[in-house]
Protein backbone atom coordinates (compact mmCIF):
# COMPACT_ATOMS: atom_id res chain seq x y z
CA MET A 1 42.45 -84.92 -12.20
CA SER A 2 41.50 -87.81 -14.42
CA ALA A 3 41.18 -91.36 -13.18
CA ALA A 4 44.36 -92.29 -15.07
CA ALA A 5 46.48 -89.57 -13.48
CA ALA A 6 49.17 -90.36 -10.93
CA PRO A 7 49.20 -88.79 -7.47
CA LEU A 8 50.63 -85.31 -7.21
CA ARG A 9 53.85 -85.54 -5.22
CA VAL A 10 54.09 -83.07 -2.34
CA ALA A 11 57.54 -82.67 -0.78
CA ILE A 12 57.78 -80.83 2.54
CA LEU A 13 61.28 -79.79 3.56
CA VAL A 14 62.18 -80.56 7.17
CA PHE A 15 65.22 -79.28 9.04
CA ASP A 16 66.34 -78.77 12.63
CA ASP A 17 64.37 -75.95 14.30
CA VAL A 18 61.55 -76.11 11.75
CA GLU A 19 58.32 -74.70 13.21
CA ALA A 20 56.14 -77.71 14.04
CA LEU A 21 52.88 -76.26 12.68
CA ASP A 22 54.59 -74.87 9.56
CA LEU A 23 55.32 -78.52 8.79
CA GLY A 24 52.28 -80.19 10.34
CA GLY A 25 49.66 -77.80 8.94
CA PRO A 26 50.38 -78.42 5.25
CA TYR A 27 50.98 -82.12 5.95
CA GLU A 28 47.53 -82.39 7.53
CA VAL A 29 45.84 -80.46 4.73
CA PHE A 30 47.24 -82.53 1.87
CA THR A 31 46.78 -85.89 3.59
CA THR A 32 43.25 -84.99 4.72
CA ALA A 33 42.41 -83.78 1.20
CA THR A 34 43.54 -87.18 -0.08
CA ARG A 35 41.21 -88.99 2.35
CA MET A 36 38.28 -86.72 1.47
CA HIS A 37 38.93 -87.18 -2.25
CA ARG A 38 38.67 -90.95 -1.78
CA ARG A 39 35.36 -90.54 0.05
CA LEU A 40 33.98 -88.31 -2.67
CA GLN A 41 35.37 -90.41 -5.54
CA PRO A 42 35.75 -93.98 -4.26
CA ALA A 43 36.18 -95.38 -7.78
CA VAL A 44 39.45 -93.49 -8.31
CA ALA A 45 42.31 -95.96 -8.15
CA HIS A 46 45.03 -93.64 -6.83
CA ASP A 47 45.60 -91.14 -4.05
CA LEU A 48 45.22 -87.49 -4.97
CA PHE A 49 48.43 -86.44 -3.20
CA SER A 50 51.50 -88.39 -2.14
CA VAL A 51 53.18 -86.49 0.71
CA GLN A 52 56.80 -86.89 1.82
CA CYS A 53 58.92 -85.10 4.40
CA VAL A 54 62.39 -84.56 2.94
CA ALA A 55 65.53 -83.75 4.95
CA ARG A 56 69.22 -83.36 4.24
CA ASP A 57 69.82 -86.94 5.41
CA SER A 58 67.86 -89.76 7.04
CA SER A 59 68.58 -88.71 10.63
CA PRO A 60 65.65 -87.60 12.82
CA VAL A 61 64.94 -83.88 12.67
CA ARG A 62 64.24 -81.94 15.86
CA ALA A 63 61.56 -79.31 15.35
CA ARG A 64 61.67 -75.98 17.14
CA ALA A 65 59.35 -77.13 19.92
CA GLY A 66 61.24 -80.39 20.40
CA LEU A 67 59.06 -82.64 18.25
CA ARG A 68 61.17 -85.26 16.49
CA VAL A 69 60.39 -86.02 12.87
CA LEU A 70 61.68 -89.03 10.95
CA PRO A 71 62.08 -87.99 7.31
CA ASP A 72 60.53 -90.11 4.57
CA ALA A 73 63.35 -89.29 2.16
CA CYS A 74 66.56 -87.33 1.94
CA PHE A 75 68.03 -85.01 -0.68
CA ASP A 76 69.82 -87.89 -2.39
CA ASN A 77 66.75 -90.09 -2.94
CA ALA A 78 63.66 -87.88 -2.80
CA ALA A 79 61.28 -88.21 -5.72
CA PRO A 80 60.81 -85.10 -7.87
CA ALA A 81 58.13 -82.88 -6.37
CA ASP A 82 55.06 -81.51 -8.10
CA VAL A 83 54.44 -79.28 -5.08
CA LEU A 84 57.32 -78.14 -2.88
CA ILE A 85 56.53 -76.77 0.58
CA VAL A 86 59.29 -74.90 2.44
CA PRO A 87 58.27 -74.27 6.05
CA GLY A 88 59.81 -71.75 8.40
CA GLY A 89 60.98 -71.67 11.98
CA VAL A 90 64.54 -70.77 12.94
CA VAL A 91 66.00 -70.90 9.44
CA ASP A 92 69.51 -69.53 10.01
CA ALA A 93 71.29 -72.90 9.87
CA ALA A 94 69.24 -74.11 6.89
CA ALA A 95 69.89 -70.84 5.04
CA ALA A 96 73.64 -71.25 5.66
CA CYS A 97 73.68 -74.84 4.34
CA PRO A 98 74.73 -75.00 0.66
CA ARG A 99 73.24 -78.49 0.23
CA THR A 100 69.87 -77.35 1.55
CA LEU A 101 69.75 -74.29 -0.69
CA ALA A 102 70.88 -76.32 -3.70
CA TRP A 103 68.15 -78.91 -3.09
CA ILE A 104 65.48 -76.22 -2.70
CA ALA A 105 66.55 -74.64 -5.99
CA GLN A 106 66.65 -78.00 -7.79
CA ALA A 107 63.29 -79.17 -6.40
CA ALA A 108 61.65 -75.83 -7.17
CA ALA A 109 62.90 -75.89 -10.75
CA GLY A 110 60.98 -79.11 -11.40
CA ALA A 111 57.86 -78.35 -9.36
CA GLN A 112 54.56 -76.99 -10.60
CA ILE A 113 54.21 -74.94 -7.42
CA THR A 114 56.76 -73.92 -4.79
CA ALA A 115 55.32 -72.55 -1.58
CA SER A 116 56.71 -71.26 1.70
CA VAL A 117 55.24 -70.89 5.16
CA CYS A 118 56.31 -68.12 7.50
CA THR A 119 60.10 -67.61 7.47
CA GLY A 120 60.42 -70.23 4.76
CA ALA A 121 60.32 -67.20 2.46
CA PHE A 122 63.89 -66.44 3.59
CA LEU A 123 64.95 -69.88 2.34
CA LEU A 124 63.29 -69.35 -1.03
CA ALA A 125 65.08 -66.03 -1.34
CA ALA A 126 68.43 -67.44 -0.19
CA ALA A 127 68.11 -70.28 -2.71
CA GLY A 128 67.41 -67.83 -5.53
CA VAL A 129 63.95 -69.24 -6.15
CA VAL A 130 62.17 -65.94 -5.44
CA THR A 131 64.25 -62.91 -6.39
CA GLU A 132 61.74 -60.10 -6.85
CA GLY A 133 58.08 -59.17 -6.61
CA PRO A 134 55.41 -59.66 -3.95
CA VAL A 135 55.84 -62.15 -1.11
CA THR A 136 54.79 -62.41 2.51
CA THR A 137 56.09 -63.88 5.75
CA HIS A 138 55.37 -63.82 9.50
CA TRP A 139 54.44 -60.30 10.61
CA GLU A 140 57.38 -60.23 13.01
CA ASP A 141 59.87 -60.86 10.19
CA VAL A 142 58.56 -58.46 7.55
CA ALA A 143 61.14 -55.74 8.22
CA ASP A 144 64.01 -58.24 8.24
CA LEU A 145 62.95 -59.80 4.93
CA ARG A 146 62.69 -56.34 3.36
CA ALA A 147 66.12 -55.38 4.65
CA ARG A 148 67.84 -58.56 3.47
CA TYR A 149 66.13 -58.80 0.09
CA PRO A 150 65.14 -55.28 -1.02
CA ALA A 151 64.03 -56.47 -4.47
CA LEU A 152 61.16 -58.32 -2.79
CA SER A 153 57.90 -56.48 -2.19
CA VAL A 154 56.95 -57.87 1.21
CA GLN A 155 53.19 -57.70 1.77
CA GLU A 156 51.61 -57.21 5.19
CA ASN A 157 48.17 -58.15 6.53
CA VAL A 158 47.60 -60.96 4.06
CA ARG A 159 47.43 -64.71 4.70
CA TRP A 160 49.19 -65.67 1.47
CA VAL A 161 50.47 -64.25 -1.81
CA ASP A 162 49.91 -66.36 -4.94
CA ARG A 163 52.15 -65.66 -7.92
CA GLY A 164 51.29 -68.81 -9.83
CA ALA A 165 54.41 -70.95 -9.60
CA TRP A 166 55.42 -69.33 -6.29
CA VAL A 167 53.20 -68.94 -3.27
CA THR A 168 54.23 -67.54 0.12
CA SER A 169 52.23 -67.43 3.31
CA ALA A 170 52.28 -65.48 6.54
CA GLY A 171 53.13 -67.07 9.86
CA ILE A 172 52.48 -70.54 11.19
CA SER A 173 48.71 -71.17 10.97
CA ALA A 174 48.55 -69.21 7.70
CA GLY A 175 50.25 -72.22 6.14
CA ILE A 176 47.00 -74.14 6.65
CA ASP A 177 45.03 -71.48 4.79
CA MET A 178 47.59 -71.39 1.99
CA SER A 179 47.61 -75.18 1.68
CA LEU A 180 43.81 -75.24 1.43
CA HIS A 181 44.15 -72.61 -1.30
CA LEU A 182 46.58 -74.90 -3.12
CA VAL A 183 44.15 -77.81 -2.82
CA ALA A 184 41.49 -75.56 -4.36
CA ARG A 185 43.85 -74.66 -7.21
CA LEU A 186 44.86 -78.23 -7.90
CA ALA A 187 41.64 -80.14 -7.21
CA GLY A 188 38.79 -77.68 -6.86
CA THR A 189 37.19 -75.45 -4.23
CA ALA A 190 34.69 -78.13 -3.19
CA LEU A 191 37.47 -80.44 -2.04
CA ALA A 192 39.26 -77.62 -0.22
CA GLU A 193 36.04 -76.75 1.61
CA ARG A 194 35.42 -80.41 2.48
CA THR A 195 38.99 -80.70 3.75
CA ALA A 196 38.62 -77.60 5.94
CA ARG A 197 35.35 -78.96 7.30
CA GLN A 198 36.97 -82.30 8.12
CA MET A 199 39.80 -80.49 9.90
CA ASP A 200 37.24 -78.34 11.74
CA THR A 201 39.11 -75.21 10.73
CA PRO A 202 37.62 -72.03 9.29
CA TRP A 203 38.93 -71.19 5.83
CA ASN A 204 38.54 -67.94 3.97
CA PRO A 205 39.35 -68.55 0.29
CA HIS A 206 40.50 -64.93 -0.01
CA PRO A 207 43.94 -64.05 1.32
């Protein structure tokens, strides 16, 4: 990114029964990458990423493990996303919500990259964002995703599947690996490696 560029806007969808690490992992990666970018390039006048949690409304969201999350924005006022992250968890209610699916479709249409973690792939499919081709999800949900969306080629034993504008990851902690991969795509492998080191997490740049 050039010094004149604006921050890349990362929107992370939050909803009741979202998996806490599906949300927290990508949030930590993109915010840590922003801190490391400032250390490496202190003369840059802007943050690398601007991260927001976006929910249907401004009410607190209760994650699957009971963690309460206060959204930064709601569907009605969220800024357009450059990167959209759709986490998983128990997604039945979110997948049955027309407003949620409509927002996912709208946000994805304007984003450079739309990515899912774990069962977030079901939401991308339900919203019509991903309709065919290779994807992945949590190992426990592979058969269900195949049964519900037979046009998808659901991959097993991979951490993420990158199709350019659409990226899907396997379960829970795989969202961290995928997010580091996205940092590498958007800002270079060196920053992704520095971010992983700062987070004290191993990262294999190959899925």
